[in-house]
Amino acid sequence: MSDDDSTDDTERAGPQEEGPGDRSDQGRPPGFDALQAAAREAIDATRALLDVAEALVNDPEMVERFGSVVRAATGAAARAARAAGTDRGPANDGPDDDGDGVQRIPVS
């Protein structure tokens, strides 16, 4: 190596590869980190869903138990809706309803 060559080996090697924790925020659009975190959470949630699906496939009795729980929950919800009288038809139209589906509420 001659004295004229003042660059050292690190400058000649070019940009070094960075690890996942060594990245700087330069060149990233705003919100990139939040988007990346959300994507990782979505991947984790999908893995959990696949684990549940695998458990259901491997254990047919669990499918029956799960089905009975869902049937019971939907039956209870239907009974509660009937008991609450959720009829929202024209019979519920009040004086502030012109029949166009929009209720006007006076604000003072």
C-alpha atoms as a PDB file:
ATOM      1  CA  MET A   1       0.000   0.000   0.000  1.00  0.00           C
ATOM      2  CA  SER A   2       1.463   3.377  -0.950  1.00  0.00           C
ATOM      3  CA  ASP A   3       1.460   6.604   1.057  1.00  0.00           C
ATOM      4  CA  ASP A   4      -0.718   8.240  -1.610  1.00  0.00           C
ATOM      5  CA  ASP A   5      -3.590   5.909  -0.812  1.00  0.00           C
ATOM      6  CA  SER A   6      -5.119   7.608   2.242  1.00  0.00           C
ATOM      7  CA  THR A   7      -8.345   5.577   2.372  1.00  0.00           C
ATOM      8  CA  ASP A   8      -8.511   2.764   4.854  1.00  0.00           C
ATOM      9  CA  ASP A   9     -10.170  -0.611   4.395  1.00  0.00           C
ATOM     10  CA  THR A  10     -13.468   0.416   6.018  1.00  0.00           C
ATOM     11  CA  GLU A  11     -14.002   3.199   3.494  1.00  0.00           C
ATOM     12  CA  ARG A  12     -13.239   0.906   0.576  1.00  0.00           C
ATOM     13  CA  ALA A  13     -15.583  -1.819   1.738  1.00  0.00           C
ATOM     14  CA  GLY A  14     -18.664   0.289   1.062  1.00  0.00           C
ATOM     15  CA  PRO A  15     -21.801   0.392   3.188  1.00  0.00           C
ATOM     16  CA  GLN A  16     -21.912  -2.226   5.885  1.00  0.00           C
ATOM     17  CA  GLU A  17     -24.933  -4.402   6.411  1.00  0.00           C
ATOM     18  CA  GLU A  18     -26.996  -3.289   9.341  1.00  0.00           C
ATOM     19  CA  GLY A  19     -28.784  -5.570  11.749  1.00  0.00           C
ATOM     20  CA  PRO A  20     -32.513  -5.128  12.390  1.00  0.00           C
ATOM     21  CA  GLY A  21     -31.855  -2.974  15.458  1.00  0.00           C
ATOM     22  CA  ASP A  22     -29.172  -0.829  13.797  1.00  0.00           C
ATOM     23  CA  ARG A  23     -31.348   0.857  11.192  1.00  0.00           C
ATOM     24  CA  SER A  24     -31.658   4.590  11.249  1.00  0.00           C
ATOM     25  CA  ASP A  25     -34.904   6.391  10.517  1.00  0.00           C
ATOM     26  CA  GLN A  26     -33.449   8.052   7.448  1.00  0.00           C
ATOM     27  CA  GLY A  27     -35.326   7.320   4.245  1.00  0.00           C
ATOM     28  CA  ARG A  28     -38.394   5.855   5.957  1.00  0.00           C
ATOM     29  CA  PRO A  29     -41.776   7.393   5.350  1.00  0.00           C
ATOM     30  CA  PRO A  30     -43.697   8.634   8.390  1.00  0.00           C
ATOM     31  CA  GLY A  31     -45.588   5.880  10.132  1.00  0.00           C
ATOM     32  CA  PHE A  32     -43.368   3.110   8.799  1.00  0.00           C
ATOM     33  CA  ASP A  33     -42.552   1.779  12.267  1.00  0.00           C
ATOM     34  CA  ALA A  34     -46.209   1.739  13.289  1.00  0.00           C
ATOM     35  CA  LEU A  35     -47.155  -0.066  10.080  1.00  0.00           C
ATOM     36  CA  GLN A  36     -44.395  -2.596  10.610  1.00  0.00           C
ATOM     37  CA  ALA A  37     -45.518  -3.222  14.205  1.00  0.00           C
ATOM     38  CA  ALA A  38     -49.124  -3.649  13.070  1.00  0.00           C
ATOM     39  CA  ALA A  39     -48.043  -6.126  10.405  1.00  0.00           C
ATOM     40  CA  ARG A  40     -46.131  -8.149  13.001  1.00  0.00           C
ATOM     41  CA  GLU A  41     -49.190  -8.195  15.268  1.00  0.00           C
ATOM     42  CA  ALA A  42     -51.375  -9.333  12.368  1.00  0.00           C
ATOM     43  CA  ILE A  43     -48.917 -12.142  11.642  1.00  0.00           C
ATOM     44  CA  ASP A  44     -48.949 -13.184  15.311  1.00  0.00           C
ATOM     45  CA  ALA A  45     -52.761 -13.147  15.361  1.00  0.00           C
ATOM     46  CA  THR A  46     -52.872 -15.267  12.201  1.00  0.00           C
ATOM     47  CA  ARG A  47     -50.511 -17.782  13.777  1.00  0.00           C
ATOM     48  CA  ALA A  48     -52.774 -17.982  16.835  1.00  0.00           C
ATOM     49  CA  LEU A  49     -55.807 -18.502  14.590  1.00  0.00           C
ATOM     50  CA  LEU A  50     -54.003 -21.304  12.774  1.00  0.00           C
ATOM     51  CA  ASP A  51     -53.126 -22.914  16.111  1.00  0.00           C
ATOM     52  CA  VAL A  52     -56.813 -22.901  17.084  1.00  0.00           C
ATOM     53  CA  ALA A  53     -57.813 -24.285  13.684  1.00  0.00           C
ATOM     54  CA  GLU A  54     -55.250 -27.064  14.055  1.00  0.00           C
ATOM     55  CA  ALA A  55     -56.590 -27.921  17.515  1.00  0.00           C
ATOM     56  CA  LEU A  56     -60.129 -28.094  16.118  1.00  0.00           C
ATOM     57  CA  VAL A  57     -59.031 -30.381  13.280  1.00  0.00           C
ATOM     58  CA  ASN A  58     -57.139 -32.678  15.647  1.00  0.00           C
ATOM     59  CA  ASP A  59     -59.930 -32.949  18.253  1.00  0.00           C
ATOM     60  CA  PRO A  60     -63.448 -33.558  16.851  1.00  0.00           C
ATOM     61  CA  GLU A  61     -64.948 -33.449  20.363  1.00  0.00           C
ATOM     62  CA  MET A  62     -63.711 -29.885  20.705  1.00  0.00           C
ATOM     63  CA  VAL A  63     -65.596 -28.984  17.527  1.00  0.00           C
ATOM     64  CA  GLU A  64     -68.821 -30.302  19.068  1.00  0.00           C
ATOM     65  CA  ARG A  65     -68.227 -28.348  22.287  1.00  0.00           C
ATOM     66  CA  PHE A  66     -67.387 -25.188  20.352  1.00  0.00           C
ATOM     67  CA  GLY A  67     -70.519 -25.599  18.217  1.00  0.00           C
ATOM     68  CA  SER A  68     -72.719 -26.009  21.278  1.00  0.00           C
ATOM     69  CA  VAL A  69     -71.253 -22.861  22.837  1.00  0.00           C
ATOM     70  CA  VAL A  70     -71.889 -20.878  19.648  1.00  0.00           C
ATOM     71  CA  ARG A  71     -75.461 -22.205  19.400  1.00  0.00           C
ATOM     72  CA  ALA A  72     -76.134 -21.302  23.030  1.00  0.00           C
ATOM     73  CA  ALA A  73     -74.712 -17.794  22.587  1.00  0.00           C
ATOM     74  CA  THR A  74     -76.701 -17.072  19.426  1.00  0.00           C
ATOM     75  CA  GLY A  75     -79.879 -18.440  21.040  1.00  0.00           C
ATOM     76  CA  ALA A  76     -79.373 -16.221  24.085  1.00  0.00           C
ATOM     77  CA  ALA A  77     -78.749 -13.192  21.873  1.00  0.00           C
ATOM     78  CA  ALA A  78     -81.907 -13.894  19.856  1.00  0.00           C
ATOM     79  CA  ARG A  79     -83.991 -14.271  23.031  1.00  0.00           C
ATOM     80  CA  ALA A  80     -82.581 -11.022  24.443  1.00  0.00           C
ATOM     81  CA  ALA A  81     -83.353  -9.171  21.210  1.00  0.00           C
ATOM     82  CA  ARG A  82     -86.936 -10.445  21.192  1.00  0.00           C
ATOM     83  CA  ALA A  83     -87.372  -9.521  24.866  1.00  0.00           C
ATOM     84  CA  ALA A  84     -85.994  -6.021  24.291  1.00  0.00           C
ATOM     85  CA  GLY A  85     -88.504  -5.396  21.499  1.00  0.00           C
ATOM     86  CA  THR A  86     -86.049  -4.182  18.898  1.00  0.00           C
ATOM     87  CA  ASP A  87     -88.771  -3.454  16.350  1.00  0.00           C
ATOM     88  CA  ARG A  88     -87.505  -0.376  14.554  1.00  0.00           C
ATOM     89  CA  GLY A  89     -90.189  -0.200  11.927  1.00  0.00           C
ATOM     90  CA  PRO A  90     -92.548   2.698  11.108  1.00  0.00           C
ATOM     91  CA  ALA A  91     -94.486   2.116  14.355  1.00  0.00           C
ATOM     92  CA  ASN A  92     -91.599   3.748  16.239  1.00  0.00           C
ATOM     93  CA  ASP A  93     -91.738   6.935  14.194  1.00  0.00           C
ATOM     94  CA  GLY A  94     -92.065   9.901  16.497  1.00  0.00           C
ATOM     95  CA  PRO A  95     -93.090  13.500  15.912  1.00  0.00           C
ATOM     96  CA  ASP A  96     -89.521  14.394  14.857  1.00  0.00           C
ATOM     97  CA  ASP A  97     -89.461  11.769  12.110  1.00  0.00           C
ATOM     98  CA  ASP A  98     -90.715  12.852   8.695  1.00  0.00           C
ATOM     99  CA  GLY A  99     -90.761   9.269   7.409  1.00  0.00           C
ATOM    100  CA  ASP A 100     -87.472   9.635   5.576  1.00  0.00           C
ATOM    101  CA  GLY A 101     -85.531   7.646   8.207  1.00  0.00           C
ATOM    102  CA  VAL A 102     -83.860  10.756   9.641  1.00  0.00           C
ATOM    103  CA  GLN A 103     -84.755  11.883  13.137  1.00  0.00           C
ATOM    104  CA  ARG A 104     -84.373  15.600  13.668  1.00  0.00           C
ATOM    105  CA  ILE A 105     -83.365  16.629  17.163  1.00  0.00           C
ATOM    106  CA  PRO A 106     -83.757  20.307  18.047  1.00  0.00           C
ATOM    107  CA  VAL A 107     -80.685  21.836  19.630  1.00  0.00           C
ATOM    108  CA  SER A 108     -81.073  24.936  21.749  1.00  0.00           C
END
